[in-house]
Amino acid sequence: MTRVFHHQFTVPALCGIVLAAALTFYFFWQKMAIAGVLVAGLWVLMTERVLHTTYTLTDDKLVISRGRFSRGSAIRLETIVGCTPLSHLFGLSHYLLITYGAGHVVSVQPQNEREFIAELQKRLRQ
């Protein structure tokens, strides 16, 4: 059975998106079109990544898709060693650090961390 978890929309991500949008507006207002286009492209990439990142748990893999413009990655569940909840930016943002393979790590930010951990542990036991 496949279970999909969506990315958590955090305060730092919102601040980055708003700052990029304001900078884009400012550059176009000041008639700096090249800088405005570059920052607008960055703004689109940031928004795409925040809105369309998903974490899919299948029977034997964790598939991480970070939006339409990024390449996804797949981690076999049998190689996962640990999953540690952590926070950064003075507790404004929480994430899970997944350790797998020979010292490889990846961070994920699912909307419901507890359900994600419970589902991951259930699949690791099987």
N, C-alpha and C. Protein backbone atom coordinates (compact mmCIF):
# COMPACT_ATOMS: atom_id res chain seq x y z
N MET A 1 0.84 -1.18 0.00
CA MET A 1 0.00 0.00 0.00
C MET A 1 0.89 1.25 0.00
N THR A 2 0.52 2.22 -0.77
CA THR A 2 1.28 3.45 -0.91
C THR A 2 0.68 4.53 -0.02
N ARG A 3 1.54 5.26 0.67
CA ARG A 3 1.10 6.36 1.53
C ARG A 3 1.89 7.60 1.16
N VAL A 4 1.21 8.70 0.92
CA VAL A 4 1.84 9.95 0.47
C VAL A 4 1.73 10.99 1.59
N PHE A 5 2.86 11.62 1.90
CA PHE A 5 2.90 12.72 2.86
C PHE A 5 3.37 13.97 2.12
N HIS A 6 2.72 15.09 2.40
CA HIS A 6 3.08 16.34 1.75
C HIS A 6 4.05 17.13 2.61
N HIS A 7 4.75 18.05 1.98
CA HIS A 7 5.76 18.88 2.65
C HIS A 7 5.09 19.88 3.58
N GLN A 8 5.74 20.13 4.72
CA GLN A 8 5.24 21.09 5.68
C GLN A 8 5.59 22.51 5.24
N PHE A 9 4.61 23.40 5.25
CA PHE A 9 4.84 24.80 4.89
C PHE A 9 5.29 25.53 6.15
N THR A 10 6.57 25.91 6.21
CA THR A 10 7.14 26.47 7.43
C THR A 10 7.26 27.99 7.34
N VAL A 11 7.49 28.61 8.50
CA VAL A 11 7.66 30.06 8.57
C VAL A 11 8.88 30.52 7.78
N PRO A 12 10.05 29.85 7.90
CA PRO A 12 11.19 30.29 7.08
C PRO A 12 10.93 30.20 5.57
N ALA A 13 10.20 29.18 5.14
CA ALA A 13 9.87 29.06 3.71
C ALA A 13 8.96 30.21 3.28
N LEU A 14 7.99 30.53 4.11
CA LEU A 14 7.10 31.65 3.81
C LEU A 14 7.87 32.96 3.74
N CYS A 15 8.79 33.17 4.68
CA CYS A 15 9.60 34.40 4.66
C CYS A 15 10.46 34.48 3.41
N GLY A 16 11.04 33.36 2.99
CA GLY A 16 11.85 33.35 1.77
C GLY A 16 11.04 33.66 0.53
N ILE A 17 9.85 33.09 0.45
CA ILE A 17 8.99 33.33 -0.71
C ILE A 17 8.52 34.78 -0.75
N VAL A 18 8.13 35.33 0.40
CA VAL A 18 7.67 36.73 0.45
C VAL A 18 8.83 37.68 0.12
N LEU A 19 10.02 37.38 0.64
CA LEU A 19 11.18 38.22 0.36
C LEU A 19 11.55 38.20 -1.12
N ALA A 20 11.51 37.03 -1.74
CA ALA A 20 11.81 36.92 -3.17
C ALA A 20 10.76 37.66 -4.00
N ALA A 21 9.49 37.56 -3.60
CA ALA A 21 8.44 38.28 -4.33
C ALA A 21 8.62 39.79 -4.19
N ALA A 22 8.95 40.25 -3.00
CA ALA A 22 9.15 41.69 -2.79
C ALA A 22 10.37 42.19 -3.57
N LEU A 23 11.42 41.39 -3.59
CA LEU A 23 12.61 41.76 -4.34
C LEU A 23 12.33 41.81 -5.84
N THR A 24 11.55 40.86 -6.33
CA THR A 24 11.15 40.86 -7.75
C THR A 24 10.38 42.14 -8.09
N PHE A 25 9.40 42.47 -7.24
CA PHE A 25 8.62 43.68 -7.44
C PHE A 25 9.51 44.92 -7.44
N TYR A 26 10.45 44.98 -6.48
CA TYR A 26 11.35 46.12 -6.39
C TYR A 26 12.22 46.27 -7.64
N PHE A 27 12.78 45.15 -8.10
CA PHE A 27 13.64 45.22 -9.29
C PHE A 27 12.87 45.68 -10.53
N PHE A 28 11.67 45.19 -10.69
CA PHE A 28 10.88 45.64 -11.84
C PHE A 28 10.46 47.11 -11.67
N TRP A 29 10.18 47.54 -10.46
CA TRP A 29 9.80 48.93 -10.19
C TRP A 29 10.96 49.87 -10.53
N GLN A 30 12.18 49.41 -10.24
CA GLN A 30 13.36 50.21 -10.51
C GLN A 30 13.89 50.03 -11.94
N LYS A 31 13.16 49.32 -12.76
CA LYS A 31 13.48 49.07 -14.17
C LYS A 31 14.80 48.32 -14.34
N MET A 32 15.03 47.36 -13.45
CA MET A 32 16.18 46.46 -13.56
C MET A 32 15.63 45.10 -14.00
N ALA A 33 15.35 44.99 -15.29
CA ALA A 33 14.62 43.83 -15.80
C ALA A 33 15.40 42.53 -15.66
N ILE A 34 16.70 42.54 -15.90
CA ILE A 34 17.48 41.29 -15.84
C ILE A 34 17.49 40.76 -14.41
N ALA A 35 17.75 41.63 -13.44
CA ALA A 35 17.74 41.20 -12.04
C ALA A 35 16.33 40.75 -11.64
N GLY A 36 15.31 41.45 -12.12
CA GLY A 36 13.93 41.07 -11.81
C GLY A 36 13.57 39.71 -12.35
N VAL A 37 13.99 39.41 -13.55
CA VAL A 37 13.70 38.10 -14.15
C VAL A 37 14.43 36.99 -13.40
N LEU A 38 15.69 37.25 -13.02
CA LEU A 38 16.45 36.24 -12.28
C LEU A 38 15.82 35.93 -10.92
N VAL A 39 15.43 36.97 -10.20
CA VAL A 39 14.82 36.77 -8.89
C VAL A 39 13.42 36.17 -9.05
N ALA A 40 12.71 36.52 -10.12
CA ALA A 40 11.39 35.91 -10.37
C ALA A 40 11.55 34.41 -10.64
N GLY A 41 12.59 34.04 -11.37
CA GLY A 41 12.85 32.61 -11.60
C GLY A 41 13.16 31.89 -10.30
N LEU A 42 13.96 32.52 -9.44
CA LEU A 42 14.25 31.94 -8.13
C LEU A 42 12.99 31.81 -7.30
N TRP A 43 12.12 32.81 -7.37
CA TRP A 43 10.86 32.80 -6.64
C TRP A 43 9.96 31.65 -7.11
N VAL A 44 9.91 31.43 -8.41
CA VAL A 44 9.11 30.32 -8.96
C VAL A 44 9.66 28.98 -8.49
N LEU A 45 10.98 28.83 -8.52
CA LEU A 45 11.59 27.58 -8.07
C LEU A 45 11.33 27.31 -6.59
N MET A 46 11.43 28.35 -5.77
CA MET A 46 11.18 28.19 -4.34
C MET A 46 9.73 27.80 -4.07
N THR A 47 8.82 28.48 -4.72
CA THR A 47 7.40 28.18 -4.52
C THR A 47 7.06 26.78 -5.00
N GLU A 48 7.59 26.39 -6.14
CA GLU A 48 7.36 25.05 -6.69
C GLU A 48 7.87 23.98 -5.73
N ARG A 49 9.03 24.19 -5.19
CA ARG A 49 9.62 23.19 -4.30
C ARG A 49 8.82 23.06 -3.00
N VAL A 50 8.36 24.18 -2.45
CA VAL A 50 7.60 24.14 -1.20
C VAL A 50 6.22 23.51 -1.42
N LEU A 51 5.56 23.85 -2.52
CA LEU A 51 4.19 23.38 -2.73
C LEU A 51 4.09 21.95 -3.26
N HIS A 52 5.08 21.48 -4.01
CA HIS A 52 4.95 20.19 -4.68
C HIS A 52 5.90 19.10 -4.20
N THR A 53 6.52 19.28 -3.05
CA THR A 53 7.37 18.23 -2.49
C THR A 53 6.49 17.20 -1.81
N THR A 54 6.71 15.92 -2.14
CA THR A 54 5.97 14.83 -1.51
C THR A 54 6.94 13.74 -1.07
N TYR A 55 6.52 13.00 -0.05
CA TYR A 55 7.27 11.86 0.45
C TYR A 55 6.34 10.66 0.37
N THR A 56 6.67 9.70 -0.49
CA THR A 56 5.81 8.56 -0.73
C THR A 56 6.44 7.31 -0.14
N LEU A 57 5.70 6.65 0.73
CA LEU A 57 6.14 5.38 1.31
C LEU A 57 5.45 4.25 0.56
N THR A 58 6.22 3.44 -0.13
CA THR A 58 5.69 2.25 -0.79
C THR A 58 6.06 1.05 0.07
N ASP A 59 5.81 -0.15 -0.45
CA ASP A 59 6.11 -1.34 0.33
C ASP A 59 7.59 -1.53 0.60
N ASP A 60 8.46 -1.07 -0.30
CA ASP A 60 9.89 -1.30 -0.12
C ASP A 60 10.76 -0.05 -0.28
N LYS A 61 10.15 1.14 -0.53
CA LYS A 61 10.94 2.34 -0.78
C LYS A 61 10.32 3.57 -0.14
N LEU A 62 11.18 4.56 0.11
CA LEU A 62 10.76 5.92 0.43
C LEU A 62 11.15 6.76 -0.77
N VAL A 63 10.16 7.29 -1.48
CA VAL A 63 10.40 8.09 -2.68
C VAL A 63 10.21 9.56 -2.31
N ILE A 64 11.26 10.35 -2.52
CA ILE A 64 11.23 11.78 -2.21
C ILE A 64 11.19 12.55 -3.52
N SER A 65 10.10 13.26 -3.75
CA SER A 65 9.93 14.07 -4.95
C SER A 65 9.93 15.53 -4.52
N ARG A 66 10.89 16.30 -4.96
CA ARG A 66 11.03 17.70 -4.53
C ARG A 66 10.54 18.68 -5.60
N GLY A 67 9.38 18.42 -6.17
CA GLY A 67 8.79 19.33 -7.15
C GLY A 67 9.03 18.88 -8.57
N ARG A 68 8.46 19.63 -9.50
CA ARG A 68 8.53 19.26 -10.92
C ARG A 68 9.89 19.53 -11.54
N PHE A 69 10.65 20.48 -11.00
CA PHE A 69 11.91 20.86 -11.61
C PHE A 69 13.11 20.14 -11.00
N SER A 70 12.90 19.28 -10.04
CA SER A 70 13.99 18.55 -9.38
C SER A 70 13.85 17.06 -9.63
N ARG A 71 14.98 16.40 -9.60
CA ARG A 71 14.97 14.95 -9.76
C ARG A 71 14.62 14.31 -8.42
N GLY A 72 13.77 13.33 -8.44
CA GLY A 72 13.38 12.63 -7.22
C GLY A 72 14.44 11.63 -6.80
N SER A 73 14.33 11.16 -5.58
CA SER A 73 15.24 10.14 -5.09
C SER A 73 14.44 9.05 -4.40
N ALA A 74 14.99 7.85 -4.40
CA ALA A 74 14.33 6.71 -3.77
C ALA A 74 15.32 6.05 -2.82
N ILE A 75 14.83 5.74 -1.63
CA ILE A 75 15.64 5.08 -0.61
C ILE A 75 14.96 3.76 -0.26
N ARG A 76 15.69 2.68 -0.36
CA ARG A 76 15.13 1.38 0.01
C ARG A 76 14.94 1.35 1.52
N LEU A 77 13.79 0.86 1.96
CA LEU A 77 13.47 0.87 3.39
C LEU A 77 14.42 0.01 4.21
N GLU A 78 14.93 -1.06 3.62
CA GLU A 78 15.83 -1.93 4.38
C GLU A 78 17.17 -1.27 4.69
N THR A 79 17.51 -0.19 3.98
CA THR A 79 18.78 0.49 4.23
C THR A 79 18.65 1.60 5.27
N ILE A 80 17.43 1.94 5.68
CA ILE A 80 17.22 3.02 6.65
C ILE A 80 17.65 2.54 8.03
N VAL A 81 18.55 3.32 8.64
CA VAL A 81 19.09 2.97 9.95
C VAL A 81 18.37 3.71 11.07
N GLY A 82 18.04 4.99 10.85
CA GLY A 82 17.39 5.76 11.90
C GLY A 82 16.65 6.96 11.36
N CYS A 83 15.77 7.49 12.20
CA CYS A 83 14.98 8.68 11.87
C CYS A 83 14.92 9.54 13.12
N THR A 84 15.55 10.71 13.07
CA THR A 84 15.67 11.56 14.24
C THR A 84 14.94 12.88 14.00
N PRO A 85 13.98 13.25 14.88
CA PRO A 85 13.34 14.56 14.74
C PRO A 85 14.26 15.66 15.28
N LEU A 86 14.45 16.73 14.52
CA LEU A 86 15.30 17.85 14.89
C LEU A 86 14.58 19.16 14.59
N SER A 87 15.09 20.25 15.15
CA SER A 87 14.54 21.57 14.83
C SER A 87 15.70 22.54 14.60
N HIS A 88 15.41 23.61 13.89
CA HIS A 88 16.41 24.65 13.65
C HIS A 88 15.72 26.00 13.60
N LEU A 89 16.50 27.06 13.51
CA LEU A 89 16.01 28.44 13.52
C LEU A 89 15.18 28.73 14.77
N PHE A 90 15.77 28.40 15.91
CA PHE A 90 15.16 28.65 17.21
C PHE A 90 13.79 27.98 17.36
N GLY A 91 13.64 26.81 16.78
CA GLY A 91 12.41 26.04 16.91
C GLY A 91 11.31 26.43 15.95
N LEU A 92 11.58 27.33 15.00
CA LEU A 92 10.55 27.73 14.04
C LEU A 92 10.26 26.65 13.02
N SER A 93 11.23 25.79 12.77
CA SER A 93 11.08 24.78 11.74
C SER A 93 11.54 23.42 12.28
N HIS A 94 10.77 22.40 12.03
CA HIS A 94 11.10 21.04 12.44
C HIS A 94 11.34 20.19 11.21
N TYR A 95 12.23 19.21 11.34
CA TYR A 95 12.47 18.29 10.24
C TYR A 95 12.91 16.95 10.79
N LEU A 96 12.88 15.94 9.95
CA LEU A 96 13.32 14.60 10.31
C LEU A 96 14.60 14.29 9.55
N LEU A 97 15.60 13.83 10.26
CA LEU A 97 16.87 13.45 9.65
C LEU A 97 16.89 11.93 9.53
N ILE A 98 16.84 11.44 8.30
CA ILE A 98 16.81 10.00 8.04
C ILE A 98 18.22 9.57 7.67
N THR A 99 18.74 8.59 8.42
CA THR A 99 20.06 8.03 8.16
C THR A 99 19.87 6.70 7.45
N TYR A 100 20.59 6.52 6.35
CA TYR A 100 20.46 5.28 5.58
C TYR A 100 21.79 4.90 4.97
N GLY A 101 21.90 3.64 4.60
CA GLY A 101 23.10 3.16 3.91
C GLY A 101 24.35 3.33 4.75
N ALA A 102 25.44 3.65 4.08
CA ALA A 102 26.74 3.79 4.73
C ALA A 102 26.98 5.25 5.11
N GLY A 103 26.22 5.76 6.08
CA GLY A 103 26.41 7.13 6.55
C GLY A 103 25.74 8.20 5.75
N HIS A 104 24.82 7.87 4.87
CA HIS A 104 24.09 8.87 4.09
C HIS A 104 22.94 9.43 4.93
N VAL A 105 22.65 10.70 4.76
CA VAL A 105 21.54 11.32 5.47
C VAL A 105 20.70 12.14 4.49
N VAL A 106 19.42 12.27 4.81
CA VAL A 106 18.51 13.11 4.05
C VAL A 106 17.52 13.71 5.05
N SER A 107 17.15 14.98 4.82
CA SER A 107 16.18 15.61 5.70
C SER A 107 14.84 15.71 4.99
N VAL A 108 13.78 15.45 5.74
CA VAL A 108 12.42 15.54 5.21
C VAL A 108 11.59 16.37 6.18
N GLN A 109 10.57 17.03 5.66
CA GLN A 109 9.67 17.84 6.47
C GLN A 109 8.22 17.50 6.15
N PRO A 110 7.74 16.33 6.57
CA PRO A 110 6.34 16.00 6.29
C PRO A 110 5.40 16.84 7.17
N GLN A 111 4.17 17.03 6.71
CA GLN A 111 3.20 17.83 7.46
C GLN A 111 2.92 17.23 8.83
N ASN A 112 2.73 15.93 8.90
CA ASN A 112 2.45 15.27 10.17
C ASN A 112 3.61 14.34 10.49
N GLU A 113 4.55 14.83 11.29
CA GLU A 113 5.77 14.08 11.57
C GLU A 113 5.48 12.78 12.32
N ARG A 114 4.57 12.83 13.28
CA ARG A 114 4.28 11.63 14.09
C ARG A 114 3.71 10.50 13.24
N GLU A 115 2.78 10.83 12.36
CA GLU A 115 2.22 9.80 11.48
C GLU A 115 3.27 9.25 10.52
N PHE A 116 4.14 10.14 10.03
CA PHE A 116 5.20 9.70 9.13
C PHE A 116 6.14 8.73 9.84
N ILE A 117 6.55 9.07 11.07
CA ILE A 117 7.45 8.20 11.83
C ILE A 117 6.76 6.87 12.14
N ALA A 118 5.48 6.93 12.54
CA ALA A 118 4.75 5.70 12.85
C ALA A 118 4.62 4.80 11.62
N GLU A 119 4.32 5.40 10.48
CA GLU A 119 4.19 4.62 9.24
C GLU A 119 5.53 4.06 8.81
N LEU A 120 6.60 4.84 8.95
CA LEU A 120 7.93 4.37 8.61
C LEU A 120 8.36 3.21 9.50
N GLN A 121 8.09 3.32 10.80
CA GLN A 121 8.45 2.24 11.72
C GLN A 121 7.63 0.97 11.43
N LYS A 122 6.36 1.16 11.10
CA LYS A 122 5.52 0.01 10.77
C LYS A 122 6.05 -0.73 9.54
N ARG A 123 6.47 0.03 8.54
CA ARG A 123 6.99 -0.60 7.32
C ARG A 123 8.38 -1.20 7.52
N LEU A 124 9.16 -0.62 8.43
CA LEU A 124 10.48 -1.18 8.71
C LEU A 124 10.37 -2.50 9.46
N ARG A 125 9.34 -2.67 10.28
CA ARG A 125 9.14 -3.92 11.02
C ARG A 125 8.70 -5.06 10.12
N GLN A 126 8.04 -4.74 9.01
CA GLN A 126 7.50 -5.80 8.14
C GLN A 126 8.58 -6.50 7.37
